[in-house]
Each structure stands twice: as C-alpha cells, then as structure tokens.
Amino acid sequence: MSEQNSQSHSQTNPQLNPQLNPQQWFTEIFAPSGSAFSLEITEKLAEVQSPFQHIEIYQTTQFGKLMVIDGVIMLSSRDNFLYHEMLSHPVLFTHPDPKQVVIIGGGDCGTLREVLKHRSLESVTQIDIDEQVTRMAEQFFPELCTSNQDPRATLLFDDGIKYMREAAPASLDVVIVDSTDPIGPGEGLFNRAFYQSCFAALKPGGILVQQSESPLIHLQLLNDMRQAMKDAGFAALQTLNFPQMVYPSGWWTCTMARKEQNFDEFRSDAAQNCAFDTEYYNAAIHQAALALPNFMLRQLVG
C-alpha cells in the first residue's frame, strides 16, 4: 500500500529551527490533511539507523521523552498510556477467558506491560521485527519495559507476518497487532492474507485487535481494514475510539475482529473491579469507546 493511498503519518524529517533558540521544535507534517503537530524539545538523546528503520529519541519540555521512527511520532512519555491501555484491556476483558496471547509489533513494550497485568494469562509472545526499538525503549522508556522479564513473556525479534502464517491452527485466544502505519515494515499487517493467518491461528471465540488509525483522516484505510477482516472470515467487528494527542488529528481507534457473530461477552464487572491500576481505561470508558459518530456509522463496512 502506498503512502498516498494509506494516508498514513508523514515521514517528514525533524525540524530543528535555530531561529527559534532557545526553543526548538520537532514537527511532524501530515500533508494529506494539511496539518502538522509540534512538540517543543530541548535535545536529541539518540539516533540509530537499524536494518529496518531510522529511530530517534528526543527530550521534550512538557511530554517527557519522544520516540520517532522514520520521521513519524511513535510515543511520548506523557500520553502513551492512552494507546497502550486501549489496545490491551478492551480485548482482554471482551474475551471470556484469555490464556494465550500474541502481540505483533509492540517493540516499545508498553502494550506487553499492560497485557501482563492480567494475571490469568498463561503466555504472551511478542514478535517485533526490529530489536533496536526494544533496546532503545529499555534505555529511554524503562517504565514501559517493567514486565519484559515476566516468566509468562517471550520476546522474539522476527517477522510477525511469517510468525502468524506458521502459527499452529486454533492455538491462540487473542492476537494484538500493535503496528506502525501501513508503510515500511508494517505494510503487510493491513491486508486480507495477514488477517486470514490470524483467523486460522485463533481458537473458537478468539479475537484479533489492531490499531486502526484516525477516523477523521484515515477513514478509508479503516474501512479497507474492516473489509479485509470480513473477507478473511471474521464475523463481528467493533471499532473503539480514544484520544491520542501526539498522533495526527489527536483521535485514534483500534478495531476488534471476532470469529463469532457478536461481542456479547464483555466482562464489565471484571473490568470495573480489576486488581491492577490503569490511567485511562475502565468499564465505562470501554463502553463509551464503542459509541461511533454518525459519519462513521454511515461509511464503515460491517
């Protein structure tokens, strides 16, 4: 999928303007929507070219540390909990009894940390193609990596598409796709062939969830994802909304796909009375996130 067709984040290089001294800014321009987002920074902490991506870490004045990959904002210390919690807890409280979970992508390990808060899980395998992302997260975002040594966790640095294609049939309860945009290493995670692999690997009642971009400026991509999920055999879809300030438009989604015809098993009591702390997620947020505005209801497939 081309960048133009996917309308993903731009890949604009960071702009450090010496004319703004002592202030400096990182700016991500998103040309398809004629918009940009900037954060004031004090210094660049690290810059690495991995075999797959160009990774940078900045110190900001108000948002803690900032990770940028190929010129695109991935996360900040201040607001990453929104994304990581919403990609993890809704699906795990929707599944009736999750035990085996796979995370595709997720190299910063924030989603892994949230998933492992669920003590009933037996195993969580994370597969990210780029080990350098995890090593930089361990150094600059150690708070996200506190569960990396959990005995239930396995971290693999490999091709997630290949991993799912070779996964044993009906072996998983939940697949979480914590991917970058559908360009570069993440491109193959947004199509029917990948979703068919996930469908085959899930047990009856299994659920796939994937970050699905901004409904305000990526609605066609979201629709294409949902259609591909349906074409792969998933019978029920749910898209959840949540804020994410550092991403284009500040409005983000994730989409769940289930093999069965409905999502009737949300364990609201368990979500409301969970034994771990969250910053954003609770049962009421979960239910509110399912409410879709009319423009989405009119246009979304499934």
Protein backbone atom coordinates (compact mmCIF):
# COMPACT_ATOMS: atom_id res chain seq x y z
CA MET A 1 0.00 0.00 0.00
CA SER A 2 1.48 3.32 -0.98
CA GLU A 3 1.78 6.20 1.45
CA GLN A 4 -0.59 8.24 -0.68
CA ASN A 5 -3.24 5.54 -0.61
CA SER A 6 -2.87 4.72 3.07
CA GLN A 7 -2.83 8.37 4.13
CA SER A 8 -0.53 7.36 6.96
CA HIS A 9 1.65 9.70 9.04
CA SER A 10 4.05 11.77 7.00
CA GLN A 11 7.73 10.93 7.04
CA THR A 12 8.94 14.50 7.33
CA ASN A 13 12.38 14.87 8.88
CA PRO A 14 12.54 16.59 12.26
CA GLN A 15 12.73 20.35 12.06
CA LEU A 16 15.19 21.92 14.47
CA ASN A 17 15.00 25.62 13.71
CA PRO A 18 17.97 27.59 15.04
CA GLN A 19 16.00 30.79 14.60
CA LEU A 20 13.77 29.68 17.48
CA ASN A 21 16.61 29.47 20.04
CA PRO A 22 16.45 28.72 22.85
CA GLN A 23 13.27 26.93 21.77
CA GLN A 24 13.48 24.02 19.35
CA TRP A 25 10.62 22.01 17.92
CA PHE A 26 10.02 18.60 16.45
CA THR A 27 7.31 18.89 13.80
CA GLU A 28 5.52 16.08 12.02
CA ILE A 29 3.71 17.32 8.92
CA PHE A 30 0.75 15.28 7.73
CA ALA A 31 0.34 16.54 4.19
CA PRO A 32 -2.87 14.65 3.19
CA SER A 33 -4.87 16.59 5.80
CA GLY A 34 -2.93 19.83 5.54
CA SER A 35 -1.99 19.61 9.20
CA ALA A 36 1.05 19.33 11.44
CA PHE A 37 1.85 18.60 15.07
CA SER A 38 4.79 20.03 17.01
CA LEU A 39 6.42 19.43 20.37
CA GLU A 40 8.97 21.69 21.98
CA ILE A 41 12.21 19.81 22.54
CA THR A 42 15.42 20.50 24.43
CA GLU A 43 17.77 17.96 22.85
CA LYS A 44 18.14 14.87 20.73
CA LEU A 45 19.09 12.00 23.03
CA ALA A 46 19.79 9.27 20.48
CA GLU A 47 19.66 8.48 16.78
CA VAL A 48 20.10 5.00 15.30
CA GLN A 49 19.61 3.55 11.85
CA SER A 50 18.54 -0.06 12.34
CA PRO A 51 18.38 -2.56 9.45
CA PHE A 52 14.72 -1.60 9.14
CA GLN A 53 14.07 1.95 10.40
CA HIS A 54 15.53 5.28 11.45
CA ILE A 55 14.90 5.71 15.18
CA GLU A 56 15.31 8.95 17.15
CA ILE A 57 14.74 9.86 20.80
CA TYR A 58 14.14 13.45 21.91
CA GLN A 59 13.69 15.15 25.26
CA THR A 60 10.64 17.42 25.23
CA THR A 61 9.74 20.23 27.59
CA GLN A 62 6.25 19.01 28.50
CA PHE A 63 5.78 15.46 27.16
CA GLY A 64 8.80 13.67 28.58
CA LYS A 65 10.77 11.64 26.08
CA LEU A 66 9.65 11.24 22.48
CA MET A 67 10.31 8.29 20.15
CA VAL A 68 10.27 8.98 16.42
CA ILE A 69 10.60 6.31 13.72
CA ASP A 70 11.23 7.34 10.11
CA GLY A 71 10.19 10.87 10.98
CA VAL A 72 6.87 9.72 12.50
CA ILE A 73 5.95 10.15 16.16
CA MET A 74 5.56 6.77 17.84
CA LEU A 75 5.05 7.68 21.50
CA SER A 76 5.72 10.16 24.26
CA SER A 77 6.22 9.53 27.96
CA ARG A 78 3.21 11.69 28.79
CA ASP A 79 0.38 10.20 26.77
CA ASN A 80 1.36 6.69 25.64
CA PHE A 81 -0.87 5.13 28.32
CA LEU A 82 -3.94 6.01 26.26
CA TYR A 83 -2.87 3.89 23.30
CA HIS A 84 -1.32 1.02 25.26
CA GLU A 85 -4.29 0.61 27.60
CA MET A 86 -6.91 0.78 24.86
CA LEU A 87 -5.08 -1.72 22.67
CA SER A 88 -4.80 -4.17 25.58
CA HIS A 89 -7.64 -4.11 28.08
CA PRO A 90 -10.79 -3.89 25.93
CA VAL A 91 -9.92 -7.05 24.01
CA LEU A 92 -8.80 -8.97 27.10
CA PHE A 93 -11.97 -8.08 29.00
CA THR A 94 -14.07 -8.92 25.93
CA HIS A 95 -12.64 -12.42 25.56
CA PRO A 96 -14.34 -14.74 28.11
CA ASP A 97 -11.15 -16.40 29.34
CA PRO A 98 -7.92 -15.43 27.55
CA LYS A 99 -4.87 -17.58 28.23
CA GLN A 100 -2.58 -17.46 25.16
CA VAL A 101 -1.87 -14.04 23.63
CA VAL A 102 0.38 -12.92 20.78
CA ILE A 103 1.46 -9.32 20.20
CA ILE A 104 2.62 -8.49 16.69
CA GLY A 105 4.86 -5.42 16.76
CA GLY A 106 4.80 -3.57 20.06
CA GLY A 107 8.56 -3.14 20.23
CA ASP A 108 8.37 -0.36 22.83
CA CYS A 109 6.83 -3.00 25.17
CA GLY A 110 4.11 -0.73 26.57
CA THR A 111 1.34 -2.99 25.29
CA LEU A 112 3.18 -6.02 26.69
CA ARG A 113 3.28 -4.35 30.11
CA GLU A 114 -0.47 -3.68 30.04
CA VAL A 115 -1.34 -7.18 28.80
CA LEU A 116 0.69 -8.85 31.55
CA LYS A 117 -1.32 -7.02 34.20
CA HIS A 118 -3.92 -9.74 33.55
CA ARG A 119 -2.72 -12.42 35.95
CA SER A 120 -4.92 -15.13 34.41
CA LEU A 121 -2.88 -15.14 31.20
CA GLU A 122 -0.59 -18.13 30.78
CA SER A 123 1.66 -16.96 27.93
CA VAL A 124 2.28 -13.78 25.96
CA THR A 125 4.56 -13.84 22.92
CA GLN A 126 5.65 -10.55 21.37
CA ILE A 127 7.11 -10.57 17.86
CA ASP A 128 8.68 -7.35 16.58
CA ILE A 129 10.93 -7.29 13.54
CA ASP A 130 13.22 -4.57 14.90
CA GLU A 131 15.13 -5.40 18.08
CA GLN A 132 16.60 -1.90 18.15
CA VAL A 133 13.20 -0.41 19.07
CA THR A 134 13.06 -2.57 22.19
CA ARG A 135 16.65 -1.82 23.17
CA MET A 136 16.01 1.91 22.91
CA ALA A 137 12.78 1.57 24.87
CA GLU A 138 14.67 -0.25 27.61
CA GLN A 139 17.13 2.63 27.77
CA PHE A 140 14.86 5.65 27.38
CA PHE A 141 11.39 4.35 28.38
CA PRO A 142 12.22 1.81 31.12
CA GLU A 143 8.79 2.30 32.68
CA LEU A 144 7.30 0.58 29.61
CA CYS A 145 9.62 -2.42 29.92
CA THR A 146 8.95 -3.42 33.54
CA SER A 147 7.28 -6.69 32.52
CA ASN A 148 9.85 -7.81 29.94
CA GLN A 149 11.24 -10.38 32.39
CA ASP A 150 7.84 -11.75 33.39
CA PRO A 151 8.09 -15.57 33.16
CA ARG A 152 4.96 -15.64 31.02
CA ALA A 153 6.53 -13.33 28.41
CA THR A 154 8.55 -14.33 25.36
CA LEU A 155 10.13 -11.59 23.23
CA LEU A 156 11.02 -12.57 19.68
CA PHE A 157 12.65 -10.37 17.06
CA ASP A 158 11.34 -11.75 13.82
CA ASP A 159 8.85 -11.25 11.02
CA GLY A 160 5.38 -11.13 12.59
CA ILE A 161 3.68 -11.88 9.27
CA LYS A 162 5.69 -15.07 8.90
CA TYR A 163 5.10 -15.96 12.56
CA MET A 164 1.34 -15.79 12.16
CA ARG A 165 1.42 -17.66 8.85
CA GLU A 166 3.23 -20.53 10.59
CA ALA A 167 1.28 -20.43 13.87
CA ALA A 168 -0.46 -23.64 14.89
CA PRO A 169 -4.15 -23.64 13.96
CA ALA A 170 -6.57 -22.76 16.77
CA SER A 171 -3.74 -22.15 19.24
CA LEU A 172 -4.36 -18.55 20.37
CA ASP A 173 -7.05 -16.70 22.28
CA VAL A 174 -6.09 -13.13 21.35
CA VAL A 175 -3.88 -11.54 18.70
CA ILE A 176 -2.93 -7.90 19.28
CA VAL A 177 -1.44 -6.04 16.32
CA ASP A 178 0.48 -3.08 17.75
CA SER A 179 1.79 -1.93 14.40
CA THR A 180 3.27 1.14 12.83
CA ASP A 181 1.45 2.71 9.89
CA PRO A 182 0.90 0.62 6.74
CA ILE A 183 4.20 1.65 5.22
CA GLY A 184 7.64 0.07 5.54
CA PRO A 185 7.79 -2.93 7.91
CA GLY A 186 4.11 -2.50 8.85
CA GLU A 187 2.67 -2.59 5.35
CA GLY A 188 1.89 -6.31 5.28
CA LEU A 189 -0.11 -6.18 8.52
CA PHE A 190 -3.13 -4.48 6.92
CA ASN A 191 -4.35 -6.97 4.33
CA ARG A 192 -6.57 -10.00 3.90
CA ALA A 193 -3.73 -12.53 3.77
CA PHE A 194 -2.43 -11.48 7.18
CA TYR A 195 -5.93 -11.50 8.68
CA GLN A 196 -6.52 -14.98 7.28
CA SER A 197 -3.41 -16.16 9.12
CA CYS A 198 -4.73 -14.61 12.33
CA PHE A 199 -8.15 -16.16 11.79
CA ALA A 200 -6.65 -19.61 11.37
CA ALA A 201 -4.44 -19.26 14.47
CA LEU A 202 -7.29 -18.17 16.75
CA LYS A 203 -9.32 -20.64 18.77
CA PRO A 204 -13.13 -20.57 18.64
CA GLY A 205 -14.15 -17.34 20.33
CA GLY A 206 -10.74 -15.82 19.58
CA ILE A 207 -10.33 -12.11 18.93
CA LEU A 208 -7.95 -10.05 16.82
CA VAL A 209 -7.40 -6.38 17.68
CA GLN A 210 -5.37 -3.89 15.67
CA GLN A 211 -4.65 -0.19 15.88
CA SER A 212 -6.70 1.32 13.09
CA GLU A 213 -5.56 4.94 12.73
CA SER A 214 -7.64 8.13 12.87
CA PRO A 215 -11.30 8.02 11.81
CA LEU A 216 -11.14 11.70 10.98
CA ILE A 217 -8.34 11.50 8.42
CA HIS A 218 -7.81 7.77 7.74
CA LEU A 219 -11.44 6.68 7.36
CA GLN A 220 -10.85 4.94 4.02
CA LEU A 221 -7.96 2.96 5.48
CA LEU A 222 -10.12 1.99 8.47
CA ASN A 223 -12.86 0.90 6.11
CA ASP A 224 -10.42 -1.09 3.99
CA MET A 225 -9.12 -2.83 7.12
CA ARG A 226 -12.61 -3.78 8.22
CA GLN A 227 -13.47 -5.12 4.77
CA ALA A 228 -10.28 -7.18 4.70
CA MET A 229 -11.09 -8.59 8.14
CA LYS A 230 -14.57 -9.59 6.96
CA ASP A 231 -13.12 -11.09 3.77
CA ALA A 232 -10.75 -13.15 5.94
CA GLY A 233 -13.70 -14.72 7.73
CA PHE A 234 -14.23 -12.63 10.85
CA ALA A 235 -17.93 -12.45 11.64
CA ALA A 236 -18.10 -9.50 14.05
CA LEU A 237 -16.23 -6.18 14.15
CA GLN A 238 -16.01 -3.44 16.76
CA THR A 239 -14.08 -0.19 16.40
CA LEU A 240 -13.24 1.71 19.58
CA ASN A 241 -12.37 5.42 19.78
CA PHE A 242 -9.87 7.06 22.10
CA PRO A 243 -7.83 10.26 22.27
CA GLN A 244 -4.14 10.24 21.35
CA MET A 245 -2.76 13.75 21.25
CA VAL A 246 0.58 13.09 19.56
CA TYR A 247 -0.94 11.26 16.56
CA PRO A 248 -2.47 13.04 13.54
CA SER A 249 -5.83 14.64 14.47
CA GLY A 250 -5.44 13.57 18.14
CA TRP A 251 -8.19 10.97 17.63
CA TRP A 252 -7.32 7.30 17.25
CA THR A 253 -9.00 3.91 17.04
CA CYS A 254 -8.45 0.21 17.42
CA THR A 255 -10.62 -2.43 15.80
CA MET A 256 -11.54 -5.85 17.20
CA ALA A 257 -12.50 -8.76 14.94
CA ARG A 258 -14.07 -11.93 16.31
CA LYS A 259 -14.74 -15.31 14.74
CA GLU A 260 -18.23 -15.49 16.27
CA GLN A 261 -21.22 -13.35 15.34
CA ASN A 262 -21.20 -10.97 18.32
CA PHE A 263 -19.29 -9.36 21.17
CA ASP A 264 -21.77 -10.17 23.93
CA GLU A 265 -19.20 -11.33 26.46
CA PHE A 266 -17.68 -8.03 27.68
CA ARG A 267 -16.88 -8.76 31.32
CA SER A 268 -17.86 -5.35 32.64
CA ASP A 269 -17.75 -6.33 36.32
CA ALA A 270 -14.25 -7.72 35.94
CA ALA A 271 -13.15 -4.58 34.12
CA GLN A 272 -14.62 -2.29 36.75
CA ASN A 273 -13.16 -4.27 39.66
CA CYS A 274 -9.82 -5.29 38.17
CA ALA A 275 -6.93 -5.81 40.57
CA PHE A 276 -4.50 -3.52 38.75
CA ASP A 277 -4.20 0.19 38.14
CA THR A 278 -4.90 1.99 34.88
CA GLU A 279 -4.69 5.66 33.99
CA TYR A 280 -7.45 5.81 31.38
CA TYR A 281 -9.25 2.52 30.91
CA ASN A 282 -12.25 1.38 32.96
CA ALA A 283 -15.54 -0.33 32.20
CA ALA A 284 -17.36 2.94 31.48
CA ILE A 285 -14.59 4.12 29.13
CA HIS A 286 -14.76 0.76 27.36
CA GLN A 287 -18.49 1.09 26.72
CA ALA A 288 -18.24 4.75 25.76
CA ALA A 289 -15.44 4.00 23.29
CA LEU A 290 -17.81 1.75 21.34
CA ALA A 291 -20.16 4.63 20.51
CA LEU A 292 -19.49 5.75 16.94
CA PRO A 293 -20.38 9.13 15.41
CA ASN A 294 -22.83 9.20 12.53
CA PHE A 295 -20.25 9.78 9.81
CA MET A 296 -18.53 6.54 10.83
CA LEU A 297 -21.79 4.60 11.12
CA ARG A 298 -22.76 5.70 7.60
CA GLN A 299 -19.48 4.69 5.99
CA LEU A 300 -17.96 1.76 7.85
CA VAL A 301 -18.22 -1.75 6.47
CA GLY A 302 -19.62 -4.42 8.80
